[in-house]
Amino acid sequence: MLKDERKRFFLIVSVCTVVFLGIKLIGSTGTITHWIKAKAEIRRQEKQMEQYRREIEAMDKDINELKNNKDSLEKFAREQFHFAAPDEDVYLIKD
């Protein structure tokens, strides 16, 4: 009789422990689900940072080209700002 009561007690304690741990791990704050979401957000932001790094490198390359090459600067000014020499006419063609 005493053995059955001990088994029942340990079973109840075990079930309660498992339920408590389950609630703690799957609950709302400081949980595994929160960590997984945070890790996914970190991964997304790291990819975005890498994309921004590549864009910055491309822009730096373009800036250096514009600073060092007068022809590319003139071409950029003509294309982007529709600049022209005093004796030239500018025609804008829009799609």
N, C-alpha and C. Protein backbone atom coordinates (compact mmCIF):
# COMPACT_ATOMS: atom_id res chain seq x y z
N MET A 1 0.81 -1.18 0.00
CA MET A 1 0.00 0.00 0.00
C MET A 1 0.86 1.26 0.00
N LEU A 2 1.89 1.27 0.82
CA LEU A 2 2.78 2.42 0.90
C LEU A 2 3.53 2.63 -0.42
N LYS A 3 3.90 1.53 -1.10
CA LYS A 3 4.60 1.60 -2.37
C LYS A 3 3.73 2.27 -3.44
N ASP A 4 2.46 1.94 -3.49
CA ASP A 4 1.53 2.53 -4.46
C ASP A 4 1.36 4.03 -4.20
N GLU A 5 1.31 4.40 -2.95
CA GLU A 5 1.17 5.82 -2.63
C GLU A 5 2.41 6.60 -3.04
N ARG A 6 3.58 6.00 -2.83
CA ARG A 6 4.82 6.65 -3.25
C ARG A 6 4.87 6.81 -4.77
N LYS A 7 4.48 5.76 -5.48
CA LYS A 7 4.47 5.82 -6.93
C LYS A 7 3.52 6.92 -7.41
N ARG A 8 2.35 6.98 -6.81
CA ARG A 8 1.36 7.99 -7.17
C ARG A 8 1.91 9.38 -6.87
N PHE A 9 2.55 9.55 -5.71
CA PHE A 9 3.11 10.84 -5.32
C PHE A 9 4.19 11.28 -6.32
N PHE A 10 5.11 10.37 -6.65
CA PHE A 10 6.16 10.70 -7.60
C PHE A 10 5.60 10.96 -9.00
N LEU A 11 4.55 10.27 -9.37
CA LEU A 11 3.90 10.51 -10.65
C LEU A 11 3.28 11.91 -10.68
N ILE A 12 2.59 12.27 -9.61
CA ILE A 12 1.97 13.59 -9.53
C ILE A 12 3.04 14.69 -9.55
N VAL A 13 4.10 14.48 -8.76
CA VAL A 13 5.19 15.46 -8.73
C VAL A 13 5.84 15.57 -10.12
N SER A 14 6.04 14.45 -10.77
CA SER A 14 6.65 14.46 -12.11
C SER A 14 5.76 15.19 -13.11
N VAL A 15 4.48 14.90 -13.08
CA VAL A 15 3.54 15.55 -14.01
C VAL A 15 3.51 17.05 -13.73
N CYS A 16 3.45 17.44 -12.47
CA CYS A 16 3.44 18.86 -12.12
C CYS A 16 4.73 19.55 -12.58
N THR A 17 5.84 18.88 -12.42
CA THR A 17 7.13 19.45 -12.84
C THR A 17 7.16 19.63 -14.36
N VAL A 18 6.71 18.63 -15.09
CA VAL A 18 6.69 18.71 -16.54
C VAL A 18 5.75 19.83 -16.99
N VAL A 19 4.59 19.93 -16.38
CA VAL A 19 3.63 20.98 -16.73
C VAL A 19 4.23 22.35 -16.42
N PHE A 20 4.85 22.51 -15.27
CA PHE A 20 5.47 23.78 -14.89
C PHE A 20 6.57 24.17 -15.88
N LEU A 21 7.43 23.22 -16.21
CA LEU A 21 8.51 23.51 -17.16
C LEU A 21 7.95 23.84 -18.54
N GLY A 22 6.90 23.12 -18.93
CA GLY A 22 6.27 23.40 -20.22
C GLY A 22 5.71 24.81 -20.27
N ILE A 23 5.03 25.21 -19.21
CA ILE A 23 4.48 26.56 -19.15
C ILE A 23 5.61 27.59 -19.15
N LYS A 24 6.66 27.31 -18.42
CA LYS A 24 7.78 28.24 -18.32
C LYS A 24 8.48 28.38 -19.68
N LEU A 25 8.64 27.29 -20.40
CA LEU A 25 9.35 27.33 -21.67
C LEU A 25 8.49 27.89 -22.81
N ILE A 26 7.20 27.66 -22.76
CA ILE A 26 6.32 28.09 -23.85
C ILE A 26 5.55 29.34 -23.48
N GLY A 27 5.69 29.83 -22.28
CA GLY A 27 4.98 31.02 -21.82
C GLY A 27 5.35 32.26 -22.60
N SER A 28 5.06 33.43 -22.05
CA SER A 28 5.18 34.66 -22.82
C SER A 28 6.52 35.38 -22.68
N THR A 29 7.15 35.41 -21.52
CA THR A 29 8.37 36.20 -21.38
C THR A 29 9.57 35.31 -21.08
N GLY A 30 10.69 35.64 -21.72
CA GLY A 30 11.93 34.92 -21.47
C GLY A 30 11.86 33.46 -21.85
N THR A 31 11.15 33.17 -22.93
CA THR A 31 10.93 31.78 -23.30
C THR A 31 11.69 31.42 -24.56
N ILE A 32 11.62 30.15 -24.87
CA ILE A 32 12.27 29.65 -26.08
C ILE A 32 11.64 30.28 -27.32
N THR A 33 10.32 30.43 -27.34
CA THR A 33 9.68 31.05 -28.50
C THR A 33 10.16 32.48 -28.68
N HIS A 34 10.33 33.18 -27.58
CA HIS A 34 10.84 34.56 -27.65
C HIS A 34 12.26 34.56 -28.20
N TRP A 35 13.08 33.63 -27.77
CA TRP A 35 14.46 33.54 -28.24
C TRP A 35 14.50 33.22 -29.73
N ILE A 36 13.63 32.33 -30.16
CA ILE A 36 13.59 31.95 -31.58
C ILE A 36 13.19 33.16 -32.43
N LYS A 37 12.17 33.90 -31.99
CA LYS A 37 11.75 35.09 -32.72
C LYS A 37 12.86 36.14 -32.74
N ALA A 38 13.54 36.31 -31.62
CA ALA A 38 14.63 37.27 -31.56
C ALA A 38 15.77 36.87 -32.50
N LYS A 39 16.09 35.59 -32.53
CA LYS A 39 17.16 35.10 -33.41
C LYS A 39 16.79 35.34 -34.88
N ALA A 40 15.53 35.10 -35.24
CA ALA A 40 15.09 35.33 -36.62
C ALA A 40 15.17 36.82 -36.96
N GLU A 41 14.81 37.68 -36.02
CA GLU A 41 14.89 39.13 -36.24
C GLU A 41 16.35 39.57 -36.39
N ILE A 42 17.23 39.02 -35.59
CA ILE A 42 18.66 39.34 -35.70
C ILE A 42 19.19 38.91 -37.06
N ARG A 43 18.82 37.72 -37.51
CA ARG A 43 19.26 37.23 -38.81
C ARG A 43 18.77 38.14 -39.93
N ARG A 44 17.51 38.58 -39.84
CA ARG A 44 16.94 39.47 -40.85
C ARG A 44 17.68 40.81 -40.88
N GLN A 45 17.98 41.34 -39.70
CA GLN A 45 18.68 42.62 -39.64
C GLN A 45 20.12 42.50 -40.10
N GLU A 46 20.76 41.37 -39.85
CA GLU A 46 22.13 41.18 -40.34
C GLU A 46 22.16 41.14 -41.87
N LYS A 47 21.16 40.50 -42.48
CA LYS A 47 21.08 40.48 -43.94
C LYS A 47 20.87 41.90 -44.48
N GLN A 48 20.02 42.66 -43.80
CA GLN A 48 19.75 44.03 -44.21
C GLN A 48 21.02 44.88 -44.07
N MET A 49 21.77 44.68 -43.00
CA MET A 49 23.02 45.41 -42.81
C MET A 49 24.01 45.10 -43.93
N GLU A 50 24.09 43.84 -44.32
CA GLU A 50 25.00 43.44 -45.40
C GLU A 50 24.58 44.10 -46.71
N GLN A 51 23.28 44.16 -46.97
CA GLN A 51 22.79 44.82 -48.18
C GLN A 51 23.16 46.30 -48.15
N TYR A 52 23.00 46.96 -47.01
CA TYR A 52 23.37 48.36 -46.89
C TYR A 52 24.88 48.56 -47.07
N ARG A 53 25.67 47.64 -46.56
CA ARG A 53 27.13 47.73 -46.74
C ARG A 53 27.49 47.69 -48.22
N ARG A 54 26.84 46.77 -48.96
CA ARG A 54 27.12 46.67 -50.40
C ARG A 54 26.70 47.96 -51.12
N GLU A 55 25.55 48.51 -50.74
CA GLU A 55 25.09 49.75 -51.36
C GLU A 55 26.04 50.91 -51.06
N ILE A 56 26.53 50.98 -49.83
CA ILE A 56 27.47 52.03 -49.44
C ILE A 56 28.77 51.90 -50.23
N GLU A 57 29.26 50.67 -50.38
CA GLU A 57 30.48 50.45 -51.16
C GLU A 57 30.29 50.89 -52.61
N ALA A 58 29.13 50.58 -53.19
CA ALA A 58 28.86 50.99 -54.57
C ALA A 58 28.78 52.52 -54.67
N MET A 59 28.15 53.15 -53.69
CA MET A 59 28.07 54.62 -53.70
C MET A 59 29.44 55.26 -53.51
N ASP A 60 30.26 54.69 -52.63
CA ASP A 60 31.62 55.20 -52.45
C ASP A 60 32.42 55.10 -53.74
N LYS A 61 32.25 53.99 -54.44
CA LYS A 61 32.93 53.81 -55.72
C LYS A 61 32.47 54.87 -56.73
N ASP A 62 31.16 55.10 -56.77
CA ASP A 62 30.63 56.13 -57.68
C ASP A 62 31.14 57.52 -57.30
N ILE A 63 31.19 57.83 -56.01
CA ILE A 63 31.68 59.13 -55.56
C ILE A 63 33.14 59.31 -55.96
N ASN A 64 33.95 58.30 -55.74
CA ASN A 64 35.37 58.39 -56.12
C ASN A 64 35.51 58.59 -57.63
N GLU A 65 34.69 57.89 -58.39
CA GLU A 65 34.73 58.05 -59.85
C GLU A 65 34.36 59.47 -60.24
N LEU A 66 33.33 60.03 -59.61
CA LEU A 66 32.91 61.40 -59.93
C LEU A 66 33.96 62.42 -59.51
N LYS A 67 34.64 62.18 -58.39
CA LYS A 67 35.67 63.11 -57.92
C LYS A 67 36.90 63.09 -58.82
N ASN A 68 37.25 61.92 -59.35
CA ASN A 68 38.51 61.77 -60.06
C ASN A 68 38.40 61.83 -61.58
N ASN A 69 37.20 61.74 -62.12
CA ASN A 69 37.05 61.70 -63.56
C ASN A 69 36.07 62.80 -63.99
N LYS A 70 36.61 63.83 -64.64
CA LYS A 70 35.79 64.97 -65.04
C LYS A 70 34.71 64.55 -66.04
N ASP A 71 35.03 63.63 -66.94
CA ASP A 71 34.05 63.19 -67.94
C ASP A 71 32.87 62.50 -67.28
N SER A 72 33.14 61.67 -66.30
CA SER A 72 32.02 60.99 -65.63
C SER A 72 31.19 61.97 -64.82
N LEU A 73 31.82 62.99 -64.25
CA LEU A 73 31.09 64.03 -63.52
C LEU A 73 30.18 64.80 -64.46
N GLU A 74 30.72 65.15 -65.62
CA GLU A 74 29.92 65.88 -66.60
C GLU A 74 28.74 65.03 -67.08
N LYS A 75 29.00 63.76 -67.34
CA LYS A 75 27.93 62.86 -67.78
C LYS A 75 26.86 62.73 -66.70
N PHE A 76 27.29 62.59 -65.45
CA PHE A 76 26.34 62.49 -64.33
C PHE A 76 25.49 63.75 -64.24
N ALA A 77 26.12 64.92 -64.32
CA ALA A 77 25.37 66.19 -64.23
C ALA A 77 24.39 66.33 -65.37
N ARG A 78 24.81 65.93 -66.56
CA ARG A 78 23.90 66.03 -67.71
C ARG A 78 22.70 65.08 -67.56
N GLU A 79 22.97 63.86 -67.13
CA GLU A 79 21.89 62.87 -67.03
C GLU A 79 20.95 63.13 -65.85
N GLN A 80 21.52 63.46 -64.72
CA GLN A 80 20.70 63.58 -63.51
C GLN A 80 20.03 64.94 -63.37
N PHE A 81 20.73 66.00 -63.78
CA PHE A 81 20.22 67.34 -63.53
C PHE A 81 19.93 68.11 -64.82
N HIS A 82 20.07 67.44 -65.97
CA HIS A 82 19.77 68.02 -67.28
C HIS A 82 20.59 69.28 -67.53
N PHE A 83 21.85 69.25 -67.10
CA PHE A 83 22.75 70.37 -67.35
C PHE A 83 23.15 70.36 -68.82
N ALA A 84 23.48 71.53 -69.31
CA ALA A 84 23.92 71.65 -70.69
C ALA A 84 24.90 72.80 -70.79
N ALA A 85 25.70 72.74 -71.82
CA ALA A 85 26.61 73.85 -72.09
C ALA A 85 25.77 75.03 -72.58
N PRO A 86 26.30 76.26 -72.48
CA PRO A 86 25.50 77.43 -72.86
C PRO A 86 24.96 77.40 -74.29
N ASP A 87 25.66 76.76 -75.21
CA ASP A 87 25.20 76.76 -76.60
C ASP A 87 24.44 75.48 -76.98
N GLU A 88 24.09 74.65 -76.01
CA GLU A 88 23.39 73.39 -76.29
C GLU A 88 21.91 73.49 -75.93
N ASP A 89 21.12 72.68 -76.61
CA ASP A 89 19.70 72.55 -76.27
C ASP A 89 19.49 71.22 -75.57
N VAL A 90 18.59 71.20 -74.59
CA VAL A 90 18.31 69.97 -73.85
C VAL A 90 16.92 69.51 -74.20
N TYR A 91 16.80 68.24 -74.58
CA TYR A 91 15.51 67.64 -74.88
C TYR A 91 15.25 66.53 -73.88
N LEU A 92 14.11 66.57 -73.24
CA LEU A 92 13.74 65.54 -72.27
C LEU A 92 12.73 64.61 -72.93
N ILE A 93 13.01 63.35 -72.91
CA ILE A 93 12.11 62.35 -73.46
C ILE A 93 11.65 61.48 -72.30
N LYS A 94 10.36 61.48 -72.05
CA LYS A 94 9.83 60.68 -70.95
C LYS A 94 9.07 59.50 -71.50
N ASP A 95 9.18 58.38 -70.82
CA ASP A 95 8.47 57.16 -71.25
C ASP A 95 7.02 57.22 -70.87
